Amino acid sequence: MKANPWVRPYVLTGGRTRTRQHLFVHTLVSAPDYDVSFAARLLPEARSLYERASGAVESVAELSAHCGVSLGVTRVLLGDLASDDRVLINPETYASPYDPRLLKRVIHGLRDLA
């Protein structure tokens, strides 16, 4: 599901741009205890992120791309879902986005796409 292009990002986040915890683009997110009735009450953009996270562990960037929600909005909405204990923010595997192990994974992923 793609985000509605007519809805401004600040409307989706209530004007917020930050979350309690910093979510890197490579932070892994999952929703192990998916609740259908809770999902029905969410805005369509948050619902699509929540549903996608219930299917598999994905990074913030993957969720953003697959759901058609901007990265900034994705971070805020995932932060809200995490605050409600609806998604699990997996512990950071990498200390920094510049960690050589992460950069090697990115390079291998790009080679696989080529």
N, C-alpha and C. Protein backbone atom coordinates (compact mmCIF):
# COMPACT_ATOMS: atom_id res chain seq x y z
N MET A 1 0.84 -1.18 0.00
CA MET A 1 0.00 0.00 0.00
C MET A 1 0.88 1.24 0.00
N LYS A 2 0.63 2.13 -0.90
CA LYS A 2 1.39 3.37 -1.00
C LYS A 2 0.69 4.46 -0.20
N ALA A 3 1.51 5.35 0.38
CA ALA A 3 0.95 6.46 1.14
C ALA A 3 0.19 7.39 0.21
N ASN A 4 -0.81 8.03 0.74
CA ASN A 4 -1.60 8.97 -0.02
C ASN A 4 -0.75 10.20 -0.33
N PRO A 5 -0.52 10.52 -1.61
CA PRO A 5 0.35 11.66 -1.94
C PRO A 5 -0.24 13.02 -1.56
N TRP A 6 -1.52 13.06 -1.27
CA TRP A 6 -2.17 14.33 -0.94
C TRP A 6 -2.11 14.65 0.55
N VAL A 7 -1.67 13.69 1.36
CA VAL A 7 -1.58 13.92 2.81
C VAL A 7 -0.15 14.32 3.14
N ARG A 8 -0.01 15.48 3.74
CA ARG A 8 1.31 15.98 4.10
C ARG A 8 1.90 15.16 5.24
N PRO A 9 3.22 14.94 5.23
CA PRO A 9 3.85 14.12 6.27
C PRO A 9 3.57 14.60 7.70
N TYR A 10 3.53 15.91 7.92
CA TYR A 10 3.31 16.39 9.28
C TYR A 10 1.91 16.05 9.79
N VAL A 11 0.98 15.82 8.89
CA VAL A 11 -0.36 15.40 9.30
C VAL A 11 -0.31 13.99 9.86
N LEU A 12 0.47 13.13 9.20
CA LEU A 12 0.58 11.73 9.62
C LEU A 12 1.28 11.58 10.97
N THR A 13 2.16 12.51 11.30
CA THR A 13 2.93 12.40 12.53
C THR A 13 2.49 13.39 13.60
N GLY A 14 1.45 14.16 13.32
CA GLY A 14 1.02 15.17 14.28
C GLY A 14 2.06 16.27 14.45
N GLY A 15 2.85 16.51 13.42
CA GLY A 15 3.88 17.54 13.48
C GLY A 15 5.19 17.09 14.11
N ARG A 16 5.23 15.84 14.58
CA ARG A 16 6.45 15.35 15.24
C ARG A 16 7.48 14.89 14.21
N THR A 17 8.75 15.09 14.53
CA THR A 17 9.82 14.64 13.65
C THR A 17 10.79 13.70 14.36
N ARG A 18 10.62 13.53 15.65
CA ARG A 18 11.56 12.70 16.42
C ARG A 18 10.81 11.63 17.22
N THR A 19 11.55 10.61 17.59
CA THR A 19 11.02 9.55 18.43
C THR A 19 11.89 9.44 19.68
N ARG A 20 11.42 8.68 20.64
CA ARG A 20 12.18 8.51 21.89
C ARG A 20 13.50 7.78 21.65
N GLN A 21 13.48 6.83 20.75
CA GLN A 21 14.69 6.10 20.43
C GLN A 21 15.08 6.37 18.99
N HIS A 22 16.39 6.48 18.76
CA HIS A 22 16.84 6.77 17.41
C HIS A 22 16.77 5.49 16.58
N LEU A 23 16.11 5.57 15.45
CA LEU A 23 16.00 4.43 14.56
C LEU A 23 16.86 4.69 13.33
N PHE A 24 17.93 3.91 13.20
CA PHE A 24 18.76 4.00 12.00
C PHE A 24 18.02 3.37 10.84
N VAL A 25 18.45 3.63 9.64
CA VAL A 25 17.81 3.00 8.48
C VAL A 25 18.01 1.49 8.49
N HIS A 26 19.09 1.03 9.15
CA HIS A 26 19.36 -0.41 9.19
C HIS A 26 18.81 -1.09 10.45
N THR A 27 18.12 -0.35 11.32
CA THR A 27 17.53 -0.94 12.51
C THR A 27 16.46 -1.96 12.10
N LEU A 28 16.52 -3.14 12.68
CA LEU A 28 15.58 -4.20 12.35
C LEU A 28 14.34 -4.12 13.23
N VAL A 29 13.17 -4.30 12.60
CA VAL A 29 11.89 -4.16 13.28
C VAL A 29 11.03 -5.38 12.96
N SER A 30 10.26 -5.82 13.95
CA SER A 30 9.31 -6.91 13.73
C SER A 30 8.08 -6.69 14.61
N ALA A 31 7.01 -7.38 14.26
CA ALA A 31 5.77 -7.31 15.04
C ALA A 31 5.35 -8.76 15.33
N PRO A 32 5.94 -9.36 16.35
CA PRO A 32 5.68 -10.78 16.61
C PRO A 32 4.26 -11.09 17.07
N ASP A 33 3.59 -10.15 17.71
CA ASP A 33 2.23 -10.38 18.24
C ASP A 33 1.23 -9.48 17.52
N TYR A 34 1.00 -9.77 16.26
CA TYR A 34 0.11 -8.95 15.43
C TYR A 34 -1.32 -9.03 15.96
N ASP A 35 -1.96 -7.87 16.09
CA ASP A 35 -3.33 -7.78 16.61
C ASP A 35 -4.21 -7.12 15.55
N VAL A 36 -5.13 -7.90 14.97
CA VAL A 36 -5.99 -7.43 13.89
C VAL A 36 -6.87 -6.27 14.34
N SER A 37 -7.43 -6.34 15.53
CA SER A 37 -8.33 -5.27 15.99
C SER A 37 -7.55 -3.97 16.22
N PHE A 38 -6.32 -4.07 16.72
CA PHE A 38 -5.48 -2.88 16.88
C PHE A 38 -5.14 -2.29 15.52
N ALA A 39 -4.79 -3.13 14.56
CA ALA A 39 -4.42 -2.67 13.22
C ALA A 39 -5.57 -1.92 12.56
N ALA A 40 -6.80 -2.36 12.80
CA ALA A 40 -7.97 -1.73 12.18
C ALA A 40 -8.15 -0.29 12.65
N ARG A 41 -7.61 0.06 13.81
CA ARG A 41 -7.76 1.41 14.35
C ARG A 41 -6.65 2.37 13.92
N LEU A 42 -5.65 1.86 13.21
CA LEU A 42 -4.51 2.67 12.81
C LEU A 42 -4.79 3.43 11.51
N LEU A 43 -4.07 4.53 11.32
CA LEU A 43 -4.09 5.21 10.04
C LEU A 43 -3.54 4.24 8.99
N PRO A 44 -3.95 4.38 7.73
CA PRO A 44 -3.51 3.43 6.70
C PRO A 44 -1.99 3.28 6.60
N GLU A 45 -1.25 4.35 6.75
CA GLU A 45 0.21 4.29 6.65
C GLU A 45 0.81 3.49 7.80
N ALA A 46 0.34 3.75 9.02
CA ALA A 46 0.82 3.00 10.18
C ALA A 46 0.39 1.54 10.08
N ARG A 47 -0.81 1.31 9.59
CA ARG A 47 -1.30 -0.06 9.44
C ARG A 47 -0.44 -0.85 8.46
N SER A 48 -0.08 -0.23 7.35
CA SER A 48 0.74 -0.95 6.37
C SER A 48 2.12 -1.28 6.94
N LEU A 49 2.71 -0.38 7.72
CA LEU A 49 3.99 -0.66 8.37
C LEU A 49 3.85 -1.80 9.38
N TYR A 50 2.79 -1.74 10.18
CA TYR A 50 2.53 -2.75 11.20
C TYR A 50 2.31 -4.12 10.57
N GLU A 51 1.51 -4.16 9.51
CA GLU A 51 1.24 -5.43 8.82
C GLU A 51 2.51 -5.99 8.19
N ARG A 52 3.29 -5.15 7.56
CA ARG A 52 4.52 -5.60 6.91
C ARG A 52 5.51 -6.13 7.94
N ALA A 53 5.61 -5.45 9.09
CA ALA A 53 6.54 -5.89 10.14
C ALA A 53 6.10 -7.21 10.77
N SER A 54 4.81 -7.53 10.64
CA SER A 54 4.34 -8.79 11.22
C SER A 54 4.74 -9.99 10.38
N GLY A 55 5.04 -9.76 9.10
CA GLY A 55 5.38 -10.85 8.20
C GLY A 55 6.81 -11.31 8.32
N ALA A 56 7.72 -10.41 8.62
CA ALA A 56 9.14 -10.75 8.70
C ALA A 56 9.89 -9.62 9.39
N VAL A 57 11.10 -9.93 9.79
CA VAL A 57 11.96 -8.90 10.37
C VAL A 57 12.55 -8.10 9.20
N GLU A 58 12.31 -6.80 9.22
CA GLU A 58 12.82 -5.93 8.15
C GLU A 58 13.43 -4.67 8.75
N SER A 59 14.28 -4.04 7.96
CA SER A 59 14.89 -2.80 8.41
C SER A 59 13.90 -1.65 8.24
N VAL A 60 14.19 -0.56 8.91
CA VAL A 60 13.37 0.64 8.80
C VAL A 60 13.31 1.08 7.34
N ALA A 61 14.44 1.04 6.65
CA ALA A 61 14.48 1.46 5.24
C ALA A 61 13.62 0.54 4.37
N GLU A 62 13.67 -0.76 4.61
CA GLU A 62 12.86 -1.70 3.82
C GLU A 62 11.37 -1.46 4.04
N LEU A 63 11.00 -1.27 5.30
CA LEU A 63 9.59 -1.00 5.60
C LEU A 63 9.13 0.28 4.91
N SER A 64 9.95 1.30 4.98
CA SER A 64 9.63 2.58 4.35
C SER A 64 9.42 2.40 2.85
N ALA A 65 10.35 1.71 2.20
CA ALA A 65 10.28 1.53 0.75
C ALA A 65 9.10 0.68 0.33
N HIS A 66 8.89 -0.44 1.01
CA HIS A 66 7.82 -1.36 0.62
C HIS A 66 6.43 -0.75 0.87
N CYS A 67 6.32 0.09 1.88
CA CYS A 67 5.01 0.65 2.22
C CYS A 67 4.77 2.02 1.57
N GLY A 68 5.79 2.57 0.92
CA GLY A 68 5.62 3.86 0.26
C GLY A 68 5.45 5.02 1.21
N VAL A 69 6.03 4.89 2.40
CA VAL A 69 5.95 5.94 3.42
C VAL A 69 7.34 6.55 3.54
N SER A 70 7.43 7.88 3.60
CA SER A 70 8.74 8.52 3.68
C SER A 70 9.50 8.03 4.92
N LEU A 71 10.81 8.08 4.84
CA LEU A 71 11.65 7.56 5.92
C LEU A 71 11.39 8.28 7.24
N GLY A 72 11.25 9.59 7.21
CA GLY A 72 11.00 10.34 8.44
C GLY A 72 9.68 9.96 9.09
N VAL A 73 8.64 9.83 8.28
CA VAL A 73 7.33 9.43 8.79
C VAL A 73 7.40 8.00 9.31
N THR A 74 8.10 7.14 8.58
CA THR A 74 8.25 5.75 9.01
C THR A 74 8.87 5.67 10.39
N ARG A 75 9.92 6.44 10.62
CA ARG A 75 10.59 6.43 11.93
C ARG A 75 9.63 6.86 13.04
N VAL A 76 8.87 7.91 12.80
CA VAL A 76 7.94 8.40 13.83
C VAL A 76 6.84 7.37 14.09
N LEU A 77 6.25 6.83 13.03
CA LEU A 77 5.16 5.86 13.21
C LEU A 77 5.65 4.57 13.86
N LEU A 78 6.84 4.11 13.50
CA LEU A 78 7.40 2.92 14.15
C LEU A 78 7.73 3.21 15.61
N GLY A 79 8.19 4.42 15.88
CA GLY A 79 8.43 4.81 17.28
C GLY A 79 7.16 4.78 18.10
N ASP A 80 6.05 5.25 17.50
CA ASP A 80 4.76 5.19 18.19
C ASP A 80 4.34 3.75 18.44
N LEU A 81 4.49 2.90 17.43
CA LEU A 81 4.12 1.49 17.58
C LEU A 81 5.00 0.80 18.63
N ALA A 82 6.27 1.17 18.68
CA ALA A 82 7.17 0.60 19.68
C ALA A 82 6.79 1.07 21.09
N SER A 83 6.37 2.34 21.22
CA SER A 83 5.94 2.87 22.52
C SER A 83 4.72 2.14 23.04
N ASP A 84 3.87 1.68 22.11
CA ASP A 84 2.67 0.91 22.47
C ASP A 84 2.97 -0.59 22.60
N ASP A 85 4.24 -0.97 22.50
CA ASP A 85 4.67 -2.37 22.55
C ASP A 85 4.01 -3.21 21.46
N ARG A 86 3.81 -2.62 20.28
CA ARG A 86 3.22 -3.33 19.14
C ARG A 86 4.27 -3.84 18.18
N VAL A 87 5.42 -3.17 18.13
CA VAL A 87 6.54 -3.67 17.32
C VAL A 87 7.76 -3.81 18.21
N LEU A 88 8.62 -4.70 17.80
CA LEU A 88 9.86 -4.95 18.53
C LEU A 88 11.00 -4.31 17.75
N ILE A 89 11.70 -3.40 18.40
CA ILE A 89 12.89 -2.80 17.82
C ILE A 89 14.05 -3.67 18.26
N ASN A 90 14.62 -4.39 17.31
CA ASN A 90 15.68 -5.33 17.64
C ASN A 90 16.94 -4.59 18.03
N PRO A 91 17.68 -5.16 18.98
CA PRO A 91 18.91 -4.50 19.43
C PRO A 91 19.85 -4.27 18.24
N GLU A 92 20.56 -3.17 18.30
CA GLU A 92 21.47 -2.83 17.21
C GLU A 92 22.56 -3.88 17.09
N THR A 93 22.73 -4.38 15.89
CA THR A 93 23.79 -5.33 15.61
C THR A 93 25.09 -4.57 15.36
N TYR A 94 24.93 -3.34 14.89
CA TYR A 94 26.09 -2.54 14.53
C TYR A 94 26.11 -1.29 15.39
N ALA A 95 27.29 -0.94 15.87
CA ALA A 95 27.42 0.21 16.76
C ALA A 95 27.21 1.53 16.02
N SER A 96 27.41 1.53 14.72
CA SER A 96 27.33 2.76 13.95
C SER A 96 26.91 2.43 12.52
N PRO A 97 26.28 3.38 11.83
CA PRO A 97 25.98 3.13 10.42
C PRO A 97 27.25 3.04 9.57
N TYR A 98 28.40 3.39 10.14
CA TYR A 98 29.67 3.32 9.43
C TYR A 98 30.47 2.08 9.83
N ASP A 99 29.86 1.18 10.56
CA ASP A 99 30.51 -0.07 10.97
C ASP A 99 30.93 -0.83 9.71
N PRO A 100 32.18 -1.27 9.62
CA PRO A 100 32.65 -1.98 8.42
C PRO A 100 31.83 -3.23 8.09
N ARG A 101 31.33 -3.91 9.09
CA ARG A 101 30.50 -5.11 8.83
C ARG A 101 29.21 -4.73 8.12
N LEU A 102 28.60 -3.63 8.54
CA LEU A 102 27.37 -3.17 7.89
C LEU A 102 27.66 -2.71 6.46
N LEU A 103 28.73 -1.97 6.28
CA LEU A 103 29.07 -1.49 4.94
C LEU A 103 29.33 -2.66 4.00
N LYS A 104 29.96 -3.73 4.49
CA LYS A 104 30.18 -4.92 3.66
C LYS A 104 28.85 -5.57 3.29
N ARG A 105 27.89 -5.62 4.23
CA ARG A 105 26.58 -6.17 3.91
C ARG A 105 25.88 -5.34 2.83
N VAL A 106 26.02 -4.03 2.91
CA VAL A 106 25.41 -3.15 1.91
C VAL A 106 26.04 -3.40 0.55
N ILE A 107 27.36 -3.50 0.50
CA ILE A 107 28.06 -3.75 -0.76
C ILE A 107 27.62 -5.08 -1.36
N HIS A 108 27.54 -6.12 -0.53
CA HIS A 108 27.11 -7.43 -1.03
C HIS A 108 25.67 -7.36 -1.54
N GLY A 109 24.81 -6.65 -0.82
CA GLY A 109 23.42 -6.50 -1.25
C GLY A 109 23.32 -5.78 -2.60
N LEU A 110 24.13 -4.74 -2.78
CA LEU A 110 24.11 -4.00 -4.04
C LEU A 110 24.64 -4.87 -5.18
N ARG A 111 25.64 -5.67 -4.90
CA ARG A 111 26.14 -6.59 -5.93
C ARG A 111 25.07 -7.60 -6.33
N ASP A 112 24.31 -8.07 -5.36
CA ASP A 112 23.24 -9.02 -5.65
C ASP A 112 22.17 -8.40 -6.54
N LEU A 113 21.94 -7.10 -6.38
CA LEU A 113 20.94 -6.40 -7.19
C LEU A 113 21.42 -6.17 -8.62
N ALA A 114 22.73 -6.06 -8.78
CA ALA A 114 23.32 -5.74 -10.11
C ALA A 114 23.23 -6.91 -11.07
